[in-house]
């Protein structure tokens, strides 16, 4: 857990959550020129307190009466009390806002516009239905998603996005008070109109419509939701600034973890644009400076990290390539007070800048920081030779101490030897704040290349297990990779959305290991299908979901998988 004293922004409680429900009423298009699913949307009042003027799905707050109306609704055996209450709320709101009623008469026949005309949309809903013998079709309403309003907003809602098939024989009529202009629209068309600027929709609506495009028919959507009667996804997004504009992101998107680290309480203050001229402050004691070496293998560039503060001095992790301008910026970011330079491994975008950074300190008449790490092994490529001034031991701790007023501050980096990407690879764990600096072992947005003989897939997977154990011991939530944003798969719980679920790093590591093993299973099938094949044949089969332009690089990791499979007992090519 990050120390509150190291956060950049003052802590603040988010606005309380209000329970609500919304429903996507769906129908299959009858237009052969435009097949697919159509969804009913309606425009909110321009004076609405939340998302004025936005096109939305019908819905609203959950009333106490909704939970008391289970007796007049059908339900599935797998439908919880909460989900039934939410379904009833959505049915009621659809009726009040659009005059659409998911219900049937006492004889089992569906209600139609004549039944709806006999009901008062302003009067108590459940009492009217009970009096007229109308049963609500709760069993036909399924949970698609669970959205929790972003932490930065003054009005926040805990909202299931439900789905149901639009009943036949009914036509939506807006109440002209809260909702206006009901329209049937395909997801792709709604998104295109929003992009063109004439159909305003908010972030959760956008993301929901994007995912709705994956289904060809209403039946497919309902079957997917009915599979386990739980949301297909849950999200409480986070926002930062990108290209001068607000940019919101879900948990699976690359910037989410960084926003969770820098602005845990939802301040929209962090700039997500990649740049190389200035260090990015992640915490008071952690800066990131990205080297100007973007490319196919390095993404936005190699991240150098500066850990510490003016009182304690700093440790620089991965000074990067020998780029004079980058090295000088690193030196200035640390104010020249560098206690040590640590290279996670010997690859040419990580370690060559170390001697130049050390020389800058000496030239300024400051302490000569030692260059630390592990020496490259004989298996390393010629351009990846590195010999540290002192070798680090697994479990060793590098401690920065300083005095701030009457308090002693400490920043402790624990060394974790993690061979796999390179034989001399190591990671560093900032103990006091639960941060893991992973070099190239774990990246954000891609998987690292394992290139034998210096790389080993078996060692890589073992190192993942080792990192998971260290993360569990120290409660690590965030991973700071050498390429890409901070990683933190931190999902807010429905019970306490102000606090992220613990162990975000563990989730990320588990996902990465599962991905590697799934890929290995594909490699094994490729070998069995083409036992006399070449690596080019195997990569075509095992990486058929990867663009062909990436196959030359993928082939390196494929051969690492092949080596591991050959080493496993009982496997024969």
Protein backbone atom coordinates (compact mmCIF):
# COMPACT_ATOMS: atom_id res chain seq x y z
CA UNK A 1 0.00 0.00 0.00
CA UNK A 2 1.42 3.37 -1.01
CA UNK A 3 2.19 5.59 1.97
CA UNK A 4 -0.23 8.56 2.11
CA UNK A 5 2.79 10.80 2.69
CA UNK A 6 4.04 9.97 -0.81
CA UNK A 7 0.79 10.78 -2.67
CA UNK A 8 0.87 13.83 -4.93
CA UNK A 9 -2.72 14.89 -4.28
CA UNK A 10 -4.60 15.34 -1.00
CA UNK A 11 -6.82 12.43 -0.08
CA UNK A 12 -10.55 12.99 -0.38
CA UNK A 13 -13.59 10.75 -0.02
CA UNK A 14 -15.62 10.21 -3.18
CA UNK A 15 -19.27 11.21 -3.34
CA UNK A 16 -21.61 8.54 -1.95
CA UNK A 17 -23.12 6.06 -4.38
CA UNK A 18 -26.79 5.93 -5.26
CA UNK A 19 -28.41 2.67 -6.36
CA UNK A 20 -29.91 2.84 -9.84
CA UNK A 21 -30.72 0.59 -12.79
CA UNK A 22 -30.86 1.02 -16.54
CA UNK A 23 -32.03 -1.35 -19.27
CA UNK A 24 -31.11 -1.90 -22.89
CA UNK A 25 -34.32 -2.79 -24.69
CA UNK A 26 -33.23 -4.75 -27.74
CA UNK A 27 -34.76 -5.95 -30.99
CA UNK A 28 -33.41 -7.62 -34.11
CA UNK A 29 -33.29 -5.36 -37.15
CA UNK A 30 -35.75 -6.25 -39.91
CA UNK A 31 -33.82 -4.20 -42.48
CA UNK A 32 -31.81 -6.65 -44.64
CA UNK A 33 -29.50 -3.81 -45.67
CA UNK A 34 -28.68 -3.09 -42.01
CA UNK A 35 -28.82 -6.37 -40.05
CA UNK A 36 -27.95 -6.66 -36.39
CA UNK A 37 -29.29 -5.55 -33.05
CA UNK A 38 -31.13 -2.29 -32.47
CA UNK A 39 -31.31 -0.71 -29.02
CA UNK A 40 -33.85 1.81 -27.73
CA UNK A 41 -32.27 5.08 -26.62
CA UNK A 42 -33.74 8.37 -25.51
CA UNK A 43 -32.43 11.89 -24.94
CA UNK A 44 -32.22 13.23 -21.40
CA UNK A 45 -33.61 16.63 -20.50
CA UNK A 46 -31.22 19.54 -21.01
CA UNK A 47 -31.90 20.52 -17.39
CA UNK A 48 -31.11 17.06 -15.95
CA UNK A 49 -28.67 17.07 -13.04
CA UNK A 50 -26.69 14.17 -14.54
CA UNK A 51 -25.61 13.94 -18.21
CA UNK A 52 -27.99 16.62 -19.52
CA UNK A 53 -28.78 16.23 -23.21
CA UNK A 54 -27.14 12.80 -23.46
CA UNK A 55 -28.76 9.88 -25.27
CA UNK A 56 -29.16 7.08 -22.74
CA UNK A 57 -30.95 3.83 -22.07
CA UNK A 58 -34.10 4.20 -19.93
CA UNK A 59 -33.53 3.89 -16.20
CA UNK A 60 -33.27 5.67 -12.90
CA UNK A 61 -32.99 5.28 -9.15
CA UNK A 62 -34.08 2.14 -7.30
CA UNK A 63 -37.01 2.78 -4.93
CA UNK A 64 -37.79 0.95 -1.72
CA UNK A 65 -41.02 -0.22 -3.38
CA UNK A 66 -39.03 -2.10 -6.03
CA UNK A 67 -37.61 -4.47 -3.40
CA UNK A 68 -41.12 -4.98 -2.03
CA UNK A 69 -42.59 -5.96 -5.41
CA UNK A 70 -41.04 -9.39 -5.87
CA UNK A 71 -44.46 -10.98 -5.42
CA UNK A 72 -45.77 -9.50 -8.66
CA UNK A 73 -42.78 -10.47 -10.79
CA UNK A 74 -41.50 -13.64 -12.41
CA UNK A 75 -37.92 -14.69 -11.67
CA UNK A 76 -35.33 -17.21 -12.79
CA UNK A 77 -34.11 -19.77 -10.29
CA UNK A 78 -30.61 -18.31 -10.62
CA UNK A 79 -31.77 -14.70 -10.24
CA UNK A 80 -30.75 -13.21 -6.89
CA UNK A 81 -32.99 -10.95 -4.83
CA UNK A 82 -30.78 -7.99 -5.72
CA UNK A 83 -30.93 -8.69 -9.45
CA UNK A 84 -34.70 -9.10 -9.29
CA UNK A 85 -35.04 -5.78 -7.47
CA UNK A 86 -32.89 -4.16 -10.14
CA UNK A 87 -34.97 -5.74 -12.89
CA UNK A 88 -38.19 -4.43 -11.33
CA UNK A 89 -36.68 -0.94 -11.06
CA UNK A 90 -35.70 -1.04 -14.73
CA UNK A 91 -39.17 -2.26 -15.76
CA UNK A 92 -40.78 0.55 -13.74
CA UNK A 93 -38.47 3.20 -15.17
CA UNK A 94 -39.06 1.99 -18.74
CA UNK A 95 -42.78 2.34 -18.14
CA UNK A 96 -42.60 5.77 -16.50
CA UNK A 97 -40.14 7.28 -18.98
CA UNK A 98 -41.11 5.60 -22.27
CA UNK A 99 -44.42 3.86 -21.69
CA UNK A 100 -42.85 0.44 -22.37
CA UNK A 101 -43.96 -2.32 -20.01
CA UNK A 102 -42.29 -5.74 -19.75
CA UNK A 103 -45.20 -7.66 -18.25
CA UNK A 104 -48.07 -10.04 -18.95
CA UNK A 105 -51.72 -10.30 -18.03
CA UNK A 106 -53.26 -12.76 -15.59
CA UNK A 107 -53.96 -15.18 -18.44
CA UNK A 108 -50.28 -15.18 -19.40
CA UNK A 109 -50.64 -13.09 -22.57
CA UNK A 110 -48.28 -10.14 -22.98
CA UNK A 111 -49.55 -6.66 -22.24
CA UNK A 112 -49.86 -4.24 -25.15
CA UNK A 113 -50.49 -0.55 -25.69
CA UNK A 114 -54.13 -0.86 -24.63
CA UNK A 115 -53.11 -2.14 -21.19
CA UNK A 116 -50.48 0.56 -20.88
CA UNK A 117 -53.00 3.28 -21.78
CA UNK A 118 -55.09 2.20 -18.79
CA UNK A 119 -52.19 2.83 -16.41
CA UNK A 120 -51.16 6.18 -14.95
CA UNK A 121 -47.43 6.81 -15.45
CA UNK A 122 -47.45 9.27 -12.54
CA UNK A 123 -49.20 7.02 -9.99
CA UNK A 124 -47.63 4.31 -7.79
CA UNK A 125 -46.51 1.60 -10.21
CA UNK A 126 -46.65 -1.69 -8.30
CA UNK A 127 -50.08 -1.02 -6.79
CA UNK A 128 -51.58 -0.38 -10.23
CA UNK A 129 -50.08 -3.56 -11.68
CA UNK A 130 -51.32 -5.65 -8.77
CA UNK A 131 -54.80 -4.18 -9.01
CA UNK A 132 -55.03 -5.04 -12.71
CA UNK A 133 -53.54 -8.52 -12.36
CA UNK A 134 -50.37 -7.61 -14.27
CA UNK A 135 -47.21 -9.63 -13.57
CA UNK A 136 -43.83 -8.07 -14.31
CA UNK A 137 -41.47 -10.09 -16.52
CA UNK A 138 -38.51 -10.02 -14.16
CA UNK A 139 -37.29 -13.36 -15.49
CA UNK A 140 -36.77 -11.82 -18.91
CA UNK A 141 -34.39 -9.11 -17.66
CA UNK A 142 -30.69 -10.05 -17.48
CA UNK A 143 -27.59 -8.30 -16.12
CA UNK A 144 -25.22 -7.29 -18.89
CA UNK A 145 -22.74 -5.10 -16.99
CA UNK A 146 -22.12 -3.34 -13.71
CA UNK A 147 -20.99 0.28 -13.89
CA UNK A 148 -19.89 2.46 -10.99
CA UNK A 149 -19.65 6.18 -11.68
CA UNK A 150 -16.13 7.63 -11.81
CA UNK A 151 -14.65 8.85 -8.53
CA UNK A 152 -14.21 12.43 -9.72
CA UNK A 153 -17.90 13.18 -10.28
CA UNK A 154 -20.09 14.93 -7.67
CA UNK A 155 -23.06 12.62 -8.39
CA UNK A 156 -22.22 8.91 -8.41
CA UNK A 157 -24.31 5.84 -9.14
CA UNK A 158 -23.98 2.10 -8.72
CA UNK A 159 -25.77 0.88 -11.83
CA UNK A 160 -26.41 -2.51 -13.40
CA UNK A 161 -26.84 -2.25 -17.18
CA UNK A 162 -29.63 -4.75 -17.83
CA UNK A 163 -30.86 -6.22 -21.12
CA UNK A 164 -34.28 -7.41 -22.24
CA UNK A 165 -36.06 -8.09 -25.49
CA UNK A 166 -38.45 -5.30 -26.50
CA UNK A 167 -42.02 -6.59 -26.15
CA UNK A 168 -44.06 -6.81 -29.32
CA UNK A 169 -47.18 -4.72 -29.76
CA UNK A 170 -45.75 -1.71 -27.92
CA UNK A 171 -44.38 1.63 -29.13
CA UNK A 172 -42.21 3.88 -26.96
CA UNK A 173 -43.64 7.29 -26.05
CA UNK A 174 -41.33 9.62 -24.10
CA UNK A 175 -42.69 11.34 -21.00
CA UNK A 176 -41.44 14.70 -22.39
CA UNK A 177 -40.30 15.63 -18.88
CA UNK A 178 -37.20 13.56 -18.17
CA UNK A 179 -36.82 11.86 -21.56
CA UNK A 180 -37.30 12.98 -25.14
CA UNK A 181 -36.98 11.64 -28.70
CA UNK A 182 -36.90 7.85 -28.28
CA UNK A 183 -34.98 6.27 -31.16
CA UNK A 184 -34.08 2.78 -32.28
CA UNK A 185 -30.45 2.64 -33.32
CA UNK A 186 -27.76 0.05 -34.03
CA UNK A 187 -24.72 0.25 -31.77
CA UNK A 188 -22.35 1.02 -34.66
CA UNK A 189 -24.60 3.81 -35.93
CA UNK A 190 -24.93 5.39 -32.48
CA UNK A 191 -21.15 5.37 -32.07
CA UNK A 192 -20.62 6.86 -35.53
CA UNK A 193 -23.15 9.60 -34.87
CA UNK A 194 -21.50 10.37 -31.53
CA UNK A 195 -18.11 10.60 -33.23
CA UNK A 196 -19.61 12.99 -35.78
CA UNK A 197 -20.82 15.20 -32.93
CA UNK A 198 -24.59 14.92 -33.31
CA UNK A 199 -25.48 12.13 -30.86
CA UNK A 200 -24.00 12.86 -27.42
CA UNK A 201 -23.39 9.75 -25.28
CA UNK A 202 -21.31 9.37 -22.12
CA UNK A 203 -18.43 7.00 -21.43
CA UNK A 204 -20.29 3.95 -19.98
CA UNK A 205 -22.81 4.13 -22.83
CA UNK A 206 -19.99 4.26 -25.38
CA UNK A 207 -18.18 1.25 -23.93
CA UNK A 208 -21.43 -0.73 -23.61
CA UNK A 209 -22.38 -0.05 -27.22
CA UNK A 210 -18.88 -1.04 -28.33
CA UNK A 211 -19.24 -4.42 -26.65
CA UNK A 212 -22.79 -4.88 -27.91
CA UNK A 213 -21.38 -4.92 -31.45
CA UNK A 214 -19.89 -8.36 -30.76
CA UNK A 215 -23.37 -9.96 -30.90
CA UNK A 216 -25.36 -10.60 -34.07
CA UNK A 217 -28.77 -11.24 -32.49
CA UNK A 218 -30.71 -10.42 -29.34
CA UNK A 219 -30.76 -14.12 -28.52
CA UNK A 220 -26.95 -14.23 -28.45
CA UNK A 221 -26.84 -11.35 -25.97
CA UNK A 222 -29.41 -12.88 -23.65
CA UNK A 223 -27.74 -16.30 -23.74
CA UNK A 224 -24.37 -14.77 -22.87
CA UNK A 225 -25.90 -12.98 -19.88
CA UNK A 226 -27.84 -16.06 -18.76
CA UNK A 227 -24.72 -18.26 -18.71
CA UNK A 228 -23.95 -17.49 -15.05
CA UNK A 229 -26.38 -14.67 -14.24
CA UNK A 230 -23.54 -12.30 -13.38
CA UNK A 231 -22.34 -9.11 -15.12
CA UNK A 232 -20.15 -9.74 -18.16
CA UNK A 233 -17.94 -6.92 -16.87
CA UNK A 234 -17.70 -4.53 -13.94
CA UNK A 235 -16.04 -1.13 -14.15
CA UNK A 236 -15.41 2.01 -12.15
CA UNK A 237 -13.38 4.02 -14.72
CA UNK A 238 -10.61 6.51 -14.06
CA UNK A 239 -9.79 9.75 -15.86
CA UNK A 240 -6.63 11.62 -16.81
CA UNK A 241 -5.58 14.10 -19.45
CA UNK A 242 -4.53 13.03 -22.94
CA UNK A 243 -3.81 15.43 -25.82
CA UNK A 244 -5.22 18.25 -23.72
CA UNK A 245 -8.57 16.53 -23.14
CA UNK A 246 -10.19 14.42 -20.44
CA UNK A 247 -9.62 10.74 -21.16
CA UNK A 248 -11.46 7.96 -19.29
CA UNK A 249 -10.27 4.39 -19.06
CA UNK A 250 -11.57 1.02 -17.89
CA UNK A 251 -9.61 -1.44 -15.75
CA UNK A 252 -8.28 -3.47 -18.69
CA UNK A 253 -6.95 -0.42 -20.54
CA UNK A 254 -3.22 0.44 -20.24
CA UNK A 255 -3.49 3.83 -18.43
CA UNK A 256 -5.83 2.61 -15.67
CA UNK A 257 -3.15 1.39 -13.26
CA UNK A 258 -1.14 4.57 -13.58
CA UNK A 259 -4.21 6.69 -12.82
CA UNK A 260 -4.95 4.48 -9.82
CA UNK A 261 -1.43 5.03 -8.49
CA UNK A 262 -1.10 8.77 -9.11
CA UNK A 263 -4.71 9.87 -8.49
CA UNK A 264 -6.32 7.16 -6.33
CA UNK A 265 -9.19 9.43 -5.25
CA UNK A 266 -10.10 10.48 -8.78
CA UNK A 267 -8.35 13.82 -9.27
CA UNK A 268 -8.20 14.55 -13.00
CA UNK A 269 -4.67 15.87 -12.82
CA UNK A 270 -2.35 13.32 -14.42
CA UNK A 271 -1.09 13.82 -17.96
CA UNK A 272 -0.98 10.56 -19.93
CA UNK A 273 0.87 11.94 -22.97
CA UNK A 274 4.25 10.31 -23.57
CA UNK A 275 7.12 12.79 -23.70
CA UNK A 276 10.87 12.66 -23.16
CA UNK A 277 11.88 16.15 -22.06
CA UNK A 278 10.57 16.19 -18.49
CA UNK A 279 10.31 13.55 -15.78
CA UNK A 280 6.80 12.44 -14.85
CA UNK A 281 6.12 12.56 -11.11
CA UNK A 282 4.28 9.38 -10.11
CA UNK A 283 4.65 9.78 -6.35
CA UNK A 284 6.64 12.22 -4.27
CA UNK A 285 9.42 9.63 -4.14
CA UNK A 286 9.12 8.16 -7.67
CA UNK A 287 9.80 9.86 -11.00
CA UNK A 288 9.77 8.31 -14.47
CA UNK A 289 11.81 9.68 -17.36
CA UNK A 290 11.25 7.95 -20.69
CA UNK A 291 14.23 7.73 -23.03
CA UNK A 292 13.76 9.11 -26.57
CA UNK A 293 14.06 5.67 -28.16
CA UNK A 294 10.48 4.78 -29.17
CA UNK A 295 10.16 1.90 -31.56
CA UNK A 296 8.83 -1.49 -32.47
CA UNK A 297 10.52 -3.21 -29.54
CA UNK A 298 10.53 -0.34 -27.02
CA UNK A 299 7.03 1.12 -27.40
CA UNK A 300 7.03 4.76 -26.26
CA UNK A 301 10.64 4.35 -25.08
CA UNK A 302 12.58 2.84 -22.20
CA UNK A 303 11.46 4.04 -18.77
CA UNK A 304 14.15 5.17 -16.35
CA UNK A 305 12.99 5.55 -12.74
CA UNK A 306 14.32 7.87 -10.06
CA UNK A 307 13.46 6.67 -6.54
CA UNK A 308 13.98 8.76 -3.40
CA UNK A 309 13.74 12.39 -2.34
CA UNK A 310 16.07 15.35 -1.72
CA UNK A 311 16.55 14.35 1.92
CA UNK A 312 17.49 10.73 1.24
CA UNK A 313 19.14 11.02 -2.14
CA UNK A 314 18.10 8.84 -5.07
CA UNK A 315 18.59 5.50 -6.76
CA UNK A 316 18.27 5.48 -10.55
CA UNK A 317 16.81 2.31 -12.08
CA UNK A 318 17.70 1.60 -15.74
CA UNK A 319 19.50 4.72 -16.97
CA UNK A 320 18.74 3.50 -20.48
CA UNK A 321 20.74 3.95 -23.68
CA UNK A 322 23.84 6.13 -23.77
CA UNK A 323 21.92 9.22 -24.86
CA UNK A 324 23.64 12.35 -23.49
CA UNK A 325 20.48 14.50 -23.33
CA UNK A 326 18.49 11.77 -21.59
CA UNK A 327 21.29 11.10 -19.10
CA UNK A 328 21.57 14.79 -18.24
CA UNK A 329 17.82 15.02 -17.70
CA UNK A 330 18.06 12.01 -15.37
CA UNK A 331 20.86 13.67 -13.43
CA UNK A 332 18.84 16.87 -13.05
CA UNK A 333 15.72 14.94 -12.00
CA UNK A 334 17.74 13.58 -9.08
CA UNK A 335 19.29 16.97 -8.34
CA UNK A 336 22.65 15.28 -8.80
CA UNK A 337 22.17 13.36 -5.53
CA UNK A 338 22.41 9.80 -6.82
CA UNK A 339 23.35 7.14 -4.30
CA UNK A 340 23.36 4.20 -6.74
CA UNK A 341 22.59 3.26 -10.35
CA UNK A 342 20.86 -0.10 -10.84
CA UNK A 343 20.46 -1.86 -14.18
CA UNK A 344 17.73 -4.49 -14.31
CA UNK A 345 19.62 -6.28 -17.10
CA UNK A 346 22.23 -5.78 -19.76
CA UNK A 347 20.18 -5.08 -22.89
CA UNK A 348 21.32 -2.03 -24.89
CA UNK A 349 18.29 0.12 -24.05
CA UNK A 350 18.78 -0.36 -20.29
CA UNK A 351 22.39 -0.33 -19.13
CA UNK A 352 24.72 1.61 -21.48
CA UNK A 353 23.83 5.01 -19.98
CA UNK A 354 25.10 4.05 -16.52
CA UNK A 355 28.78 5.12 -16.94
CA UNK A 356 27.81 8.50 -18.39
CA UNK A 357 25.40 9.16 -15.51
CA UNK A 358 28.07 8.18 -13.00
CA UNK A 359 30.57 10.50 -14.72
CA UNK A 360 28.17 13.45 -14.50
CA UNK A 361 27.99 13.02 -10.73
CA UNK A 362 31.78 12.88 -10.44
CA UNK A 363 32.27 15.89 -12.71
CA UNK A 364 29.94 17.92 -10.48
CA UNK A 365 32.08 17.07 -7.44
CA UNK A 366 29.35 14.87 -5.98
CA UNK A 367 29.39 11.36 -4.61
CA UNK A 368 30.37 8.70 -7.16
CA UNK A 369 27.35 6.35 -7.29
CA UNK A 370 28.18 2.66 -7.78
CA UNK A 371 26.76 0.86 -10.83
CA UNK A 372 24.89 -2.20 -9.56
CA UNK A 373 23.21 -5.20 -11.15
CA UNK A 374 24.17 -8.66 -12.33
CA UNK A 375 26.84 -9.38 -14.95
CA UNK A 376 25.69 -10.64 -18.32
CA UNK A 377 26.21 -14.35 -18.89
CA UNK A 378 28.20 -15.89 -21.76
CA UNK A 379 24.86 -16.57 -23.48
CA UNK A 380 24.19 -12.84 -23.89
CA UNK A 381 24.42 -11.24 -27.32
CA UNK A 382 27.48 -9.16 -28.13
CA UNK A 383 25.56 -5.87 -27.81
CA UNK A 384 24.26 -6.88 -24.37
CA UNK A 385 27.50 -7.15 -22.43
CA UNK A 386 27.39 -5.60 -18.97
CA UNK A 387 29.61 -5.88 -15.91
CA UNK A 388 28.44 -4.02 -12.79
CA UNK A 389 30.84 -2.59 -10.27
CA UNK A 390 29.12 -4.75 -7.69
CA UNK A 391 26.79 -7.70 -8.16
CA UNK A 392 23.51 -7.64 -6.29
CA UNK A 393 22.28 -10.67 -4.36
CA UNK A 394 18.73 -11.98 -4.47
CA UNK A 395 16.88 -10.57 -1.44
CA UNK A 396 19.46 -7.84 -0.82
CA UNK A 397 18.02 -4.48 0.23
CA UNK A 398 19.21 -1.07 -0.94
CA UNK A 399 18.16 1.51 1.65
CA UNK A 400 17.87 5.28 1.25
CA UNK A 401 17.60 7.20 4.53
CA UNK A 402 16.98 10.88 5.11
CA UNK A 403 15.77 13.33 7.71
CA UNK A 404 12.64 15.38 7.03
CA UNK A 405 12.09 17.71 9.98
CA UNK A 406 12.02 15.47 13.01
CA UNK A 407 11.08 12.40 11.00
CA UNK A 408 13.35 9.83 9.38
CA UNK A 409 12.25 8.83 5.88
CA UNK A 410 13.30 5.58 4.23
CA UNK A 411 12.95 4.05 0.81
CA UNK A 412 13.96 0.39 0.62
CA UNK A 413 14.49 -1.43 -2.68
CA UNK A 414 14.59 -5.22 -2.37
CA UNK A 415 16.38 -7.12 -5.13
CA UNK A 416 14.61 -10.04 -6.81
CA UNK A 417 16.63 -12.12 -9.29
CA UNK A 418 14.27 -12.92 -12.17
CA UNK A 419 15.99 -14.74 -15.04
CA UNK A 420 13.90 -15.43 -18.12
CA UNK A 421 13.96 -12.43 -20.43
CA UNK A 422 17.70 -12.33 -19.79
CA UNK A 423 19.84 -14.56 -17.60
CA UNK A 424 20.99 -11.57 -15.52
CA UNK A 425 17.57 -9.92 -15.17
CA UNK A 426 16.43 -8.60 -11.81
CA UNK A 427 13.44 -6.70 -10.46
CA UNK A 428 13.27 -4.26 -7.55
CA UNK A 429 10.54 -4.00 -4.93
CA UNK A 430 9.97 -0.69 -3.11
CA UNK A 431 9.00 -2.19 0.21
CA UNK A 432 7.44 0.81 1.98
CA UNK A 433 5.05 1.60 -0.89
CA UNK A 434 4.35 -1.83 -2.38
CA UNK A 435 5.73 -1.02 -5.83
CA UNK A 436 7.47 -3.51 -8.13
CA UNK A 437 9.92 -2.26 -10.79
CA UNK A 438 9.99 -5.08 -13.33
CA UNK A 439 12.37 -3.98 -16.09
CA UNK A 440 11.45 -6.07 -19.14
CA UNK A 441 10.10 -9.03 -17.19
CA UNK A 442 6.56 -7.60 -17.12
CA UNK A 443 5.43 -4.93 -19.59
CA UNK A 444 2.22 -2.97 -20.06
CA UNK A 445 0.51 -3.52 -23.40
CA UNK A 446 2.68 -6.36 -24.68
CA UNK A 447 4.49 -9.51 -23.60
CA UNK A 448 8.26 -9.54 -23.37
CA UNK A 449 10.32 -11.51 -25.87
CA UNK A 450 12.07 -14.62 -24.52
CA UNK A 451 15.08 -15.17 -26.78
CA UNK A 452 17.21 -18.29 -26.16
CA UNK A 453 19.89 -19.02 -25.23
CA UNK A 454 20.10 -16.05 -22.82
CA UNK A 455 16.33 -16.16 -22.44
CA UNK A 456 14.54 -19.15 -20.97
CA UNK A 457 10.79 -19.72 -20.86
CA UNK A 458 11.06 -22.13 -17.95
CA UNK A 459 13.08 -19.63 -15.93
CA UNK A 460 10.68 -16.86 -16.96
CA UNK A 461 7.61 -18.70 -15.65
CA UNK A 462 9.43 -19.66 -12.45
CA UNK A 463 10.36 -16.00 -11.98
CA UNK A 464 6.72 -15.00 -12.34
CA UNK A 465 5.89 -17.37 -9.49
CA UNK A 466 8.70 -15.87 -7.45
CA UNK A 467 7.43 -12.33 -8.07
CA UNK A 468 3.91 -13.39 -7.11
CA UNK A 469 5.22 -14.71 -3.80
CA UNK A 470 7.09 -11.46 -3.10
CA UNK A 471 4.04 -9.40 -4.06
CA UNK A 472 1.88 -11.45 -1.71
CA UNK A 473 4.37 -10.96 1.12
CA UNK A 474 4.65 -7.20 0.65
CA UNK A 475 1.09 -6.40 -0.50
CA UNK A 476 2.26 -5.06 -3.86
CA UNK A 477 -0.49 -3.38 -5.87
CA UNK A 478 1.42 -1.69 -8.70
CA UNK A 479 3.97 -2.77 -11.28
CA UNK A 480 6.26 -0.18 -12.88
CA UNK A 481 7.60 -1.65 -16.14
CA UNK A 482 10.45 -0.52 -18.36
CA UNK A 483 8.00 0.05 -21.22
CA UNK A 484 4.49 1.44 -20.90
CA UNK A 485 2.32 2.88 -18.15
CA UNK A 486 2.17 1.68 -14.56
CA UNK A 487 0.29 -1.60 -14.31
CA UNK A 488 -2.35 -2.14 -11.67
CA UNK A 489 -5.38 -4.32 -12.34
CA UNK A 490 -7.25 -2.73 -9.46
CA UNK A 491 -10.96 -3.34 -9.43
CA UNK A 492 -13.23 -1.50 -7.03
CA UNK A 493 -15.51 -3.78 -5.07
CA UNK A 494 -19.24 -3.22 -5.14
CA UNK A 495 -19.26 -2.98 -1.35
CA UNK A 496 -16.48 -0.38 -1.06
CA UNK A 497 -15.80 1.39 -4.32
CA UNK A 498 -13.55 3.98 -2.73
CA UNK A 499 -10.90 1.35 -1.99
CA UNK A 500 -9.25 -0.75 -4.70
CA UNK A 501 -9.09 -4.49 -4.34
CA UNK A 502 -5.75 -5.53 -2.85
CA UNK A 503 -3.19 -7.46 -4.81
CA UNK A 504 -3.49 -5.72 -8.17
CA UNK A 505 0.01 -6.87 -9.10
CA UNK A 506 -0.97 -10.46 -8.31
CA UNK A 507 -3.89 -10.23 -10.72
CA UNK A 508 -1.64 -8.86 -13.46
CA UNK A 509 0.95 -11.60 -12.89
CA UNK A 510 -1.72 -14.32 -12.91
CA UNK A 511 -3.15 -12.98 -16.19
CA UNK A 512 0.32 -12.88 -17.73
CA UNK A 513 1.19 -16.42 -16.68
CA UNK A 514 -2.15 -17.73 -17.95
CA UNK A 515 -1.53 -16.01 -21.29
CA UNK A 516 1.94 -17.57 -21.58
CA UNK A 517 0.61 -21.05 -20.79
CA UNK A 518 -2.25 -20.64 -23.27
CA UNK A 519 0.30 -19.70 -25.91
CA UNK A 520 2.42 -22.68 -24.94
CA UNK A 521 -0.58 -24.96 -25.43
CA UNK A 522 -0.96 -23.56 -28.97
CA UNK A 523 2.75 -24.16 -29.60
CA UNK A 524 2.36 -27.77 -28.43
CA UNK A 525 -0.59 -28.28 -30.81
CA UNK A 526 1.44 -26.76 -33.65
CA UNK A 527 4.31 -29.17 -32.97
CA UNK A 528 1.93 -32.12 -32.90
CA UNK A 529 0.24 -31.00 -36.11
CA UNK A 530 3.51 -30.44 -37.96
CA UNK A 531 6.19 -32.56 -36.20
CA UNK A 532 8.49 -32.31 -39.22
CA UNK A 533 7.81 -28.61 -39.67
CA UNK A 534 10.11 -25.64 -39.32
CA UNK A 535 9.85 -22.74 -36.86
CA UNK A 536 8.25 -20.76 -39.68
CA UNK A 537 5.55 -23.44 -39.98
CA UNK A 538 4.98 -23.53 -36.23
CA UNK A 539 4.76 -19.77 -35.77
CA UNK A 540 2.10 -19.62 -38.48
CA UNK A 541 -0.02 -22.08 -36.48
CA UNK A 542 0.73 -20.96 -32.91
CA UNK A 543 0.61 -17.19 -33.54
CA UNK A 544 -2.25 -17.08 -36.03
CA UNK A 545 -3.89 -14.39 -33.85
CA UNK A 546 -0.82 -12.14 -34.12
CA UNK A 547 -0.14 -9.87 -37.15
CA UNK A 548 2.22 -11.56 -39.59
CA UNK A 549 4.65 -8.65 -39.42
CA UNK A 550 5.33 -9.67 -35.78
CA UNK A 551 6.09 -13.31 -36.55
CA UNK A 552 9.89 -12.89 -36.85
CA UNK A 553 9.96 -11.62 -33.25
CA UNK A 554 7.32 -14.11 -32.09
CA UNK A 555 9.49 -16.90 -33.46
CA UNK A 556 12.07 -16.21 -30.73
CA UNK A 557 9.53 -16.78 -27.96
CA UNK A 558 8.14 -19.76 -29.85
CA UNK A 559 11.56 -21.43 -29.74
CA UNK A 560 11.72 -20.69 -26.00
CA UNK A 561 8.39 -22.52 -25.62
CA UNK A 562 9.72 -25.39 -27.74
CA UNK A 563 12.77 -25.72 -25.48
CA UNK A 564 10.57 -25.80 -22.40
CA UNK A 565 8.20 -28.36 -23.91
CA UNK A 566 11.13 -30.57 -24.86
CA UNK A 567 12.38 -30.40 -21.27
CA UNK A 568 9.04 -31.49 -19.83
CA UNK A 569 8.75 -35.16 -19.04
CA UNK A 570 6.89 -37.18 -21.63
CA UNK A 571 6.82 -34.60 -24.40
CA UNK A 572 8.21 -35.72 -27.74
CA UNK A 573 8.45 -33.84 -31.00
